[in-house]
N, C-alpha and C. Protein backbone atom coordinates (compact mmCIF):
# COMPACT_ATOMS: atom_id res chain seq x y z
N UNK A 1 0.86 -1.18 0.00
CA UNK A 1 0.00 0.00 0.00
C UNK A 1 0.90 1.23 0.00
N UNK A 2 0.60 2.23 -0.83
CA UNK A 2 1.37 3.47 -0.89
C UNK A 2 1.23 4.24 0.41
N UNK A 3 2.15 5.17 0.63
CA UNK A 3 2.13 5.96 1.87
C UNK A 3 0.79 6.65 2.06
N UNK A 4 0.19 7.11 0.98
CA UNK A 4 -1.08 7.81 1.12
C UNK A 4 -2.26 6.89 0.81
N UNK A 5 -2.00 5.59 0.68
CA UNK A 5 -3.08 4.66 0.40
C UNK A 5 -3.69 4.13 1.67
N UNK A 6 -5.01 4.18 1.73
CA UNK A 6 -5.75 3.63 2.85
C UNK A 6 -6.68 2.59 2.28
N UNK A 7 -6.88 1.47 2.99
CA UNK A 7 -7.77 0.45 2.46
C UNK A 7 -9.20 0.98 2.32
N UNK A 8 -9.94 0.44 1.38
CA UNK A 8 -11.33 0.88 1.23
C UNK A 8 -12.15 0.42 2.43
N UNK A 9 -13.22 1.16 2.74
CA UNK A 9 -14.08 0.75 3.85
C UNK A 9 -14.68 -0.63 3.60
N UNK A 10 -14.85 -1.37 4.67
CA UNK A 10 -15.48 -2.69 4.58
C UNK A 10 -16.97 -2.57 4.82
N UNK A 11 -17.50 -3.60 5.45
CA UNK A 11 -18.93 -3.61 5.77
C UNK A 11 -19.20 -2.55 6.84
N UNK A 12 -20.45 -2.27 7.03
CA UNK A 12 -20.84 -1.30 8.06
C UNK A 12 -20.30 -1.72 9.43
N UNK A 13 -20.43 -2.99 9.75
CA UNK A 13 -19.95 -3.49 11.04
C UNK A 13 -18.44 -3.33 11.15
N UNK A 14 -17.71 -3.60 10.07
CA UNK A 14 -16.25 -3.44 10.10
C UNK A 14 -15.86 -1.98 10.29
N UNK A 15 -16.56 -1.08 9.60
CA UNK A 15 -16.27 0.35 9.71
C UNK A 15 -16.57 0.85 11.12
N UNK A 16 -17.72 0.46 11.65
CA UNK A 16 -18.17 0.98 12.95
C UNK A 16 -17.56 0.28 14.15
N UNK A 17 -17.20 -0.98 14.03
CA UNK A 17 -16.73 -1.73 15.19
C UNK A 17 -15.35 -2.35 15.02
N UNK A 18 -14.84 -2.38 13.80
CA UNK A 18 -13.57 -3.04 13.53
C UNK A 18 -12.36 -2.21 13.92
N UNK A 19 -11.19 -2.80 13.79
CA UNK A 19 -9.93 -2.13 14.15
C UNK A 19 -9.24 -1.51 12.95
N UNK A 20 -9.72 -1.76 11.74
CA UNK A 20 -9.07 -1.22 10.54
C UNK A 20 -9.41 0.26 10.36
N UNK A 21 -8.38 1.06 10.11
CA UNK A 21 -8.57 2.49 9.82
C UNK A 21 -8.81 2.61 8.33
N UNK A 22 -10.05 2.89 7.96
CA UNK A 22 -10.46 2.99 6.56
C UNK A 22 -11.21 4.30 6.35
N UNK A 23 -10.52 5.43 6.39
CA UNK A 23 -11.21 6.72 6.29
C UNK A 23 -12.04 6.81 5.03
N UNK A 24 -13.22 7.41 5.17
CA UNK A 24 -14.14 7.56 4.05
C UNK A 24 -14.03 8.98 3.52
N UNK A 25 -13.28 9.13 2.46
CA UNK A 25 -13.11 10.42 1.81
C UNK A 25 -14.35 10.70 0.96
N UNK A 26 -14.78 11.96 0.94
CA UNK A 26 -15.94 12.33 0.15
C UNK A 26 -15.66 12.32 -1.34
N UNK A 27 -16.67 12.64 -2.11
CA UNK A 27 -16.54 12.69 -3.57
C UNK A 27 -15.45 13.67 -4.00
N UNK A 28 -15.19 14.67 -3.14
CA UNK A 28 -14.14 15.65 -3.43
C UNK A 28 -12.76 15.17 -2.99
N UNK A 29 -12.69 13.95 -2.44
CA UNK A 29 -11.42 13.39 -2.00
C UNK A 29 -10.99 13.87 -0.63
N UNK A 30 -11.90 14.47 0.13
CA UNK A 30 -11.55 15.07 1.42
C UNK A 30 -12.30 14.42 2.58
N UNK A 31 -11.69 14.50 3.75
CA UNK A 31 -12.32 14.09 5.00
C UNK A 31 -12.22 15.30 5.93
N UNK A 32 -13.25 15.55 6.71
CA UNK A 32 -13.29 16.68 7.63
C UNK A 32 -12.42 16.40 8.85
N UNK A 33 -11.67 17.41 9.29
CA UNK A 33 -10.80 17.28 10.46
C UNK A 33 -11.04 18.46 11.40
N UNK A 34 -11.36 18.15 12.64
CA UNK A 34 -11.58 19.16 13.66
C UNK A 34 -10.39 19.14 14.60
N UNK A 35 -9.73 20.29 14.77
CA UNK A 35 -8.58 20.40 15.67
C UNK A 35 -9.02 21.05 16.98
N UNK A 36 -8.69 20.39 18.09
CA UNK A 36 -9.01 20.91 19.41
C UNK A 36 -7.73 20.95 20.25
N UNK A 37 -7.70 21.87 21.21
CA UNK A 37 -6.56 21.96 22.11
C UNK A 37 -6.51 20.69 22.97
N UNK A 38 -5.35 20.05 23.00
CA UNK A 38 -5.20 18.78 23.70
C UNK A 38 -5.41 18.91 25.20
N UNK A 39 -5.14 20.08 25.76
CA UNK A 39 -5.28 20.26 27.21
C UNK A 39 -6.67 20.73 27.62
N UNK A 40 -7.22 21.70 26.87
CA UNK A 40 -8.47 22.33 27.29
C UNK A 40 -9.71 21.81 26.56
N UNK A 41 -9.51 21.19 25.40
CA UNK A 41 -10.64 20.75 24.60
C UNK A 41 -11.25 21.86 23.76
N UNK A 42 -10.68 23.07 23.84
CA UNK A 42 -11.19 24.20 23.04
C UNK A 42 -11.12 23.86 21.56
N UNK A 43 -12.22 24.13 20.85
CA UNK A 43 -12.23 23.92 19.40
C UNK A 43 -11.40 25.03 18.77
N UNK A 44 -10.40 24.63 18.01
CA UNK A 44 -9.50 25.61 17.41
C UNK A 44 -9.83 25.89 15.95
N UNK A 45 -10.04 24.84 15.17
CA UNK A 45 -10.31 25.04 13.75
C UNK A 45 -10.91 23.79 13.14
N UNK A 46 -11.55 23.98 12.02
CA UNK A 46 -12.07 22.90 11.21
C UNK A 46 -11.40 23.00 9.86
N UNK A 47 -10.90 21.90 9.36
CA UNK A 47 -10.23 21.90 8.06
C UNK A 47 -10.54 20.58 7.37
N UNK A 48 -9.86 20.34 6.28
CA UNK A 48 -10.07 19.11 5.52
C UNK A 48 -8.72 18.48 5.20
N UNK A 49 -8.72 17.18 5.02
CA UNK A 49 -7.53 16.45 4.64
C UNK A 49 -7.84 15.60 3.42
N UNK A 50 -6.88 15.58 2.50
CA UNK A 50 -6.95 14.59 1.44
C UNK A 50 -6.08 13.41 1.87
N UNK A 51 -5.92 12.42 1.02
CA UNK A 51 -5.13 11.24 1.39
C UNK A 51 -3.70 11.61 1.76
N UNK A 52 -3.09 12.49 0.98
CA UNK A 52 -1.70 12.88 1.25
C UNK A 52 -1.57 13.61 2.57
N UNK A 53 -2.48 14.53 2.86
CA UNK A 53 -2.43 15.28 4.11
C UNK A 53 -2.58 14.34 5.30
N UNK A 54 -3.50 13.40 5.21
CA UNK A 54 -3.71 12.46 6.30
C UNK A 54 -2.48 11.57 6.48
N UNK A 55 -1.92 11.08 5.39
CA UNK A 55 -0.73 10.24 5.48
C UNK A 55 0.44 11.01 6.09
N UNK A 56 0.64 12.26 5.68
CA UNK A 56 1.73 13.06 6.24
C UNK A 56 1.52 13.36 7.71
N UNK A 57 0.27 13.59 8.10
CA UNK A 57 -0.04 13.83 9.51
C UNK A 57 0.34 12.60 10.34
N UNK A 58 -0.03 11.43 9.86
CA UNK A 58 0.29 10.20 10.58
C UNK A 58 1.80 9.98 10.61
N UNK A 59 2.47 10.23 9.50
CA UNK A 59 3.92 9.99 9.40
C UNK A 59 4.75 10.96 10.24
N UNK A 60 4.33 12.23 10.28
CA UNK A 60 5.16 13.26 10.94
C UNK A 60 4.72 13.60 12.36
N UNK A 61 3.46 13.29 12.70
CA UNK A 61 2.94 13.68 14.01
C UNK A 61 2.58 15.16 14.08
N UNK A 62 2.60 15.82 12.94
CA UNK A 62 2.18 17.23 12.85
C UNK A 62 1.05 17.33 11.85
N UNK A 63 0.13 18.28 12.08
CA UNK A 63 -1.06 18.38 11.25
C UNK A 63 -0.76 18.96 9.87
N UNK A 64 -1.25 18.26 8.88
CA UNK A 64 -1.23 18.69 7.48
C UNK A 64 -2.68 18.71 7.00
N UNK A 65 -3.02 19.68 6.21
CA UNK A 65 -4.39 19.79 5.70
C UNK A 65 -4.36 20.03 4.20
N UNK A 66 -5.55 19.96 3.59
CA UNK A 66 -5.71 20.35 2.21
C UNK A 66 -6.45 21.68 2.21
N UNK A 67 -5.82 22.70 1.66
CA UNK A 67 -6.45 24.02 1.58
C UNK A 67 -7.37 24.04 0.37
N UNK A 68 -8.67 24.10 0.62
CA UNK A 68 -9.62 24.17 -0.48
C UNK A 68 -9.51 25.50 -1.22
N UNK A 69 -9.25 26.58 -0.48
CA UNK A 69 -9.19 27.90 -1.12
C UNK A 69 -7.93 28.04 -1.99
N UNK A 70 -6.83 27.45 -1.56
CA UNK A 70 -5.58 27.56 -2.33
C UNK A 70 -5.35 26.36 -3.24
N UNK A 71 -6.09 25.29 -3.01
CA UNK A 71 -5.94 24.09 -3.83
C UNK A 71 -4.57 23.45 -3.66
N UNK A 72 -4.08 23.41 -2.40
CA UNK A 72 -2.76 22.82 -2.18
C UNK A 72 -2.64 22.24 -0.78
N UNK A 73 -1.66 21.37 -0.63
CA UNK A 73 -1.34 20.78 0.66
C UNK A 73 -0.80 21.87 1.57
N UNK A 74 -1.14 21.79 2.86
CA UNK A 74 -0.82 22.87 3.79
C UNK A 74 -0.32 22.27 5.09
N UNK A 75 0.92 22.54 5.43
CA UNK A 75 1.49 22.11 6.71
C UNK A 75 1.19 23.23 7.70
N UNK A 76 0.23 23.00 8.57
CA UNK A 76 -0.22 24.05 9.50
C UNK A 76 0.94 24.55 10.34
N UNK A 77 1.19 25.85 10.26
CA UNK A 77 2.24 26.48 11.05
C UNK A 77 3.57 26.59 10.36
N UNK A 78 3.70 26.09 9.14
CA UNK A 78 4.98 26.13 8.45
C UNK A 78 5.50 27.56 8.29
N UNK A 79 4.62 28.52 8.08
CA UNK A 79 5.06 29.91 7.95
C UNK A 79 4.78 30.72 9.20
N UNK A 80 3.75 30.36 9.97
CA UNK A 80 3.38 31.15 11.16
C UNK A 80 4.07 30.68 12.43
N UNK A 81 4.61 29.47 12.43
CA UNK A 81 5.17 28.90 13.64
C UNK A 81 4.13 28.21 14.51
N UNK A 82 2.87 28.23 14.08
CA UNK A 82 1.78 27.63 14.85
C UNK A 82 1.62 26.15 14.50
N UNK A 83 2.74 25.43 14.54
CA UNK A 83 2.73 24.00 14.23
C UNK A 83 1.78 23.28 15.19
N UNK A 84 0.96 22.41 14.64
CA UNK A 84 0.06 21.61 15.46
C UNK A 84 0.65 20.21 15.61
N UNK A 85 1.13 19.92 16.82
CA UNK A 85 1.63 18.59 17.13
C UNK A 85 0.46 17.74 17.57
N UNK A 86 0.25 16.64 16.89
CA UNK A 86 -0.90 15.78 17.16
C UNK A 86 -0.60 14.90 18.37
N UNK A 87 -1.43 15.05 19.39
CA UNK A 87 -1.33 14.25 20.60
C UNK A 87 -2.15 12.97 20.44
N UNK A 88 -3.29 13.11 19.80
CA UNK A 88 -4.18 11.97 19.56
C UNK A 88 -5.05 12.27 18.36
N UNK A 89 -5.31 11.24 17.56
CA UNK A 89 -6.24 11.37 16.45
C UNK A 89 -7.35 10.35 16.67
N UNK A 90 -8.58 10.83 16.57
CA UNK A 90 -9.74 9.94 16.67
C UNK A 90 -10.52 10.01 15.36
N UNK A 91 -11.29 8.98 15.12
CA UNK A 91 -12.15 8.93 13.94
C UNK A 91 -13.57 8.69 14.43
N UNK A 92 -14.55 9.27 13.74
CA UNK A 92 -15.94 9.07 14.17
C UNK A 92 -16.44 7.70 13.75
N UNK A 93 -17.68 7.40 14.11
CA UNK A 93 -18.24 6.06 13.94
C UNK A 93 -18.23 5.55 12.52
N UNK A 94 -18.48 6.42 11.54
CA UNK A 94 -18.47 5.93 10.16
C UNK A 94 -17.22 6.36 9.40
N UNK A 95 -16.22 6.80 10.12
CA UNK A 95 -14.89 7.10 9.61
C UNK A 95 -14.88 8.16 8.49
N UNK A 96 -15.80 9.15 8.61
CA UNK A 96 -15.76 10.25 7.63
C UNK A 96 -15.45 11.59 8.27
N UNK A 97 -15.00 11.58 9.53
CA UNK A 97 -14.58 12.80 10.21
C UNK A 97 -13.50 12.43 11.22
N UNK A 98 -12.53 13.34 11.35
CA UNK A 98 -11.41 13.13 12.26
C UNK A 98 -11.41 14.20 13.34
N UNK A 99 -10.97 13.82 14.53
CA UNK A 99 -10.77 14.74 15.64
C UNK A 99 -9.29 14.69 15.98
N UNK A 100 -8.62 15.83 15.88
CA UNK A 100 -7.21 15.91 16.22
C UNK A 100 -7.05 16.69 17.51
N UNK A 101 -6.51 16.03 18.53
CA UNK A 101 -6.15 16.73 19.76
C UNK A 101 -4.72 17.18 19.55
N UNK A 102 -4.48 18.51 19.59
CA UNK A 102 -3.19 19.07 19.22
C UNK A 102 -2.62 20.00 20.29
N UNK A 103 -1.31 20.12 20.26
CA UNK A 103 -0.61 21.18 20.99
C UNK A 103 -0.12 22.15 19.92
N UNK A 104 -0.37 23.42 20.14
CA UNK A 104 -0.04 24.43 19.13
C UNK A 104 1.24 25.16 19.50
N UNK A 105 2.15 25.23 18.55
CA UNK A 105 3.41 25.94 18.76
C UNK A 105 3.27 27.42 18.49
N UNK A 106 4.41 28.11 18.51
CA UNK A 106 4.42 29.54 18.24
C UNK A 106 3.64 30.31 19.27
N UNK A 107 2.80 31.23 18.81
CA UNK A 107 2.02 32.07 19.73
C UNK A 107 0.75 31.37 20.22
N UNK A 108 0.53 30.12 19.80
CA UNK A 108 -0.63 29.35 20.27
C UNK A 108 -1.90 29.60 19.49
N UNK A 109 -1.84 30.49 18.51
CA UNK A 109 -3.02 30.78 17.70
C UNK A 109 -3.24 29.73 16.63
N UNK A 110 -4.40 29.76 16.05
CA UNK A 110 -4.71 28.84 14.96
C UNK A 110 -5.35 29.54 13.77
N UNK A 111 -6.00 30.66 14.01
CA UNK A 111 -6.75 31.34 12.96
C UNK A 111 -5.86 32.32 12.20
N UNK A 112 -6.05 32.36 10.90
CA UNK A 112 -5.25 33.29 10.09
C UNK A 112 -5.58 34.76 10.39
N UNK A 113 -6.67 35.00 11.16
CA UNK A 113 -7.00 36.38 11.55
C UNK A 113 -6.21 36.83 12.76
N UNK A 114 -5.41 35.92 13.32
CA UNK A 114 -4.61 36.25 14.50
C UNK A 114 -5.26 35.81 15.80
N UNK A 115 -6.42 35.22 15.72
CA UNK A 115 -7.11 34.77 16.93
C UNK A 115 -6.68 33.35 17.31
N UNK A 116 -6.94 32.98 18.53
CA UNK A 116 -6.62 31.64 19.02
C UNK A 116 -7.44 30.58 18.29
N UNK A 117 -8.73 30.83 18.12
CA UNK A 117 -9.65 29.89 17.50
C UNK A 117 -10.32 30.54 16.30
N UNK A 118 -10.67 29.73 15.32
CA UNK A 118 -11.41 30.23 14.16
C UNK A 118 -12.89 30.49 14.50
N UNK A 119 -13.34 29.99 15.64
CA UNK A 119 -14.75 30.11 16.03
C UNK A 119 -14.92 31.25 17.04
N UNK A 120 -14.81 32.48 16.55
CA UNK A 120 -14.82 33.66 17.41
C UNK A 120 -16.08 34.50 17.28
N UNK A 121 -17.06 34.03 16.48
CA UNK A 121 -18.32 34.76 16.32
C UNK A 121 -19.50 33.82 16.53
N UNK A 122 -20.59 34.41 16.99
CA UNK A 122 -21.84 33.69 17.21
C UNK A 122 -22.84 34.14 16.16
N UNK A 123 -23.62 33.20 15.64
CA UNK A 123 -24.69 33.52 14.70
C UNK A 123 -25.92 33.85 15.55
N UNK A 124 -26.43 35.07 15.39
CA UNK A 124 -27.56 35.53 16.20
C UNK A 124 -28.70 36.01 15.31
N UNK A 125 -29.91 35.59 15.66
CA UNK A 125 -31.09 36.04 14.93
C UNK A 125 -31.86 37.03 15.80
N UNK A 126 -32.23 38.17 15.20
CA UNK A 126 -33.03 39.17 15.92
C UNK A 126 -34.47 38.67 15.98
N UNK A 127 -35.01 38.46 17.19
CA UNK A 127 -36.37 37.90 17.30
C UNK A 127 -37.44 38.80 16.67
N UNK A 128 -37.22 40.09 16.67
CA UNK A 128 -38.23 41.00 16.13
C UNK A 128 -38.24 41.01 14.61
N UNK A 129 -37.05 41.02 14.00
CA UNK A 129 -36.98 41.15 12.55
C UNK A 129 -36.61 39.86 11.83
N UNK A 130 -36.02 38.94 12.56
CA UNK A 130 -35.55 37.71 11.92
C UNK A 130 -34.22 37.87 11.22
N UNK A 131 -33.68 39.08 11.27
CA UNK A 131 -32.38 39.32 10.63
C UNK A 131 -31.30 38.52 11.35
N UNK A 132 -30.41 37.94 10.58
CA UNK A 132 -29.32 37.14 11.13
C UNK A 132 -28.03 37.91 10.97
N UNK A 133 -27.26 37.95 12.06
CA UNK A 133 -25.97 38.66 12.00
C UNK A 133 -24.96 37.93 12.87
N UNK A 134 -23.72 38.34 12.75
CA UNK A 134 -22.64 37.74 13.54
C UNK A 134 -22.25 38.71 14.65
N UNK A 135 -22.06 38.16 15.85
CA UNK A 135 -21.63 38.96 17.00
C UNK A 135 -20.43 38.27 17.63
N UNK A 136 -19.55 39.03 18.27
CA UNK A 136 -18.39 38.40 18.92
C UNK A 136 -18.85 37.37 19.96
N UNK A 137 -18.18 36.23 19.96
CA UNK A 137 -18.48 35.20 20.94
C UNK A 137 -17.75 35.51 22.24
N UNK A 138 -18.31 35.04 23.33
CA UNK A 138 -17.63 35.17 24.61
C UNK A 138 -16.39 34.31 24.57
N UNK A 139 -15.31 34.77 25.18
CA UNK A 139 -14.11 33.94 25.22
C UNK A 139 -14.40 32.62 25.93
N UNK A 140 -13.74 31.54 25.49
CA UNK A 140 -14.01 30.23 26.11
C UNK A 140 -13.58 30.20 27.57
């Protein structure tokens, strides 16, 4: 099997209860990855991985993603110093989403806006008008 090759998913029982890691990449070739702080559990960012990004993450112990906006492989922190060292990787029940518990290097941030987390706004609906807007979220 190639470095970025993962076996195809088996039966439902094998996927949900078996020991084989058979990530289910979507039609776009991506699997969703949620990065959380390994110590606090704070949600830091949501990204996607293709086969190569997932294989490199497993091989190096550092998070690699596929940038949909740039259309390229992305080693998180390579330019910012915010390297994400993977402490633990989990997969959900049907193996189409990953949870990465990470320690963040550099200044500890994860968002390209300079914030610690990419989830810094709340979606709020005005009960009187129904208008939906974004408001700053309370710090975790």
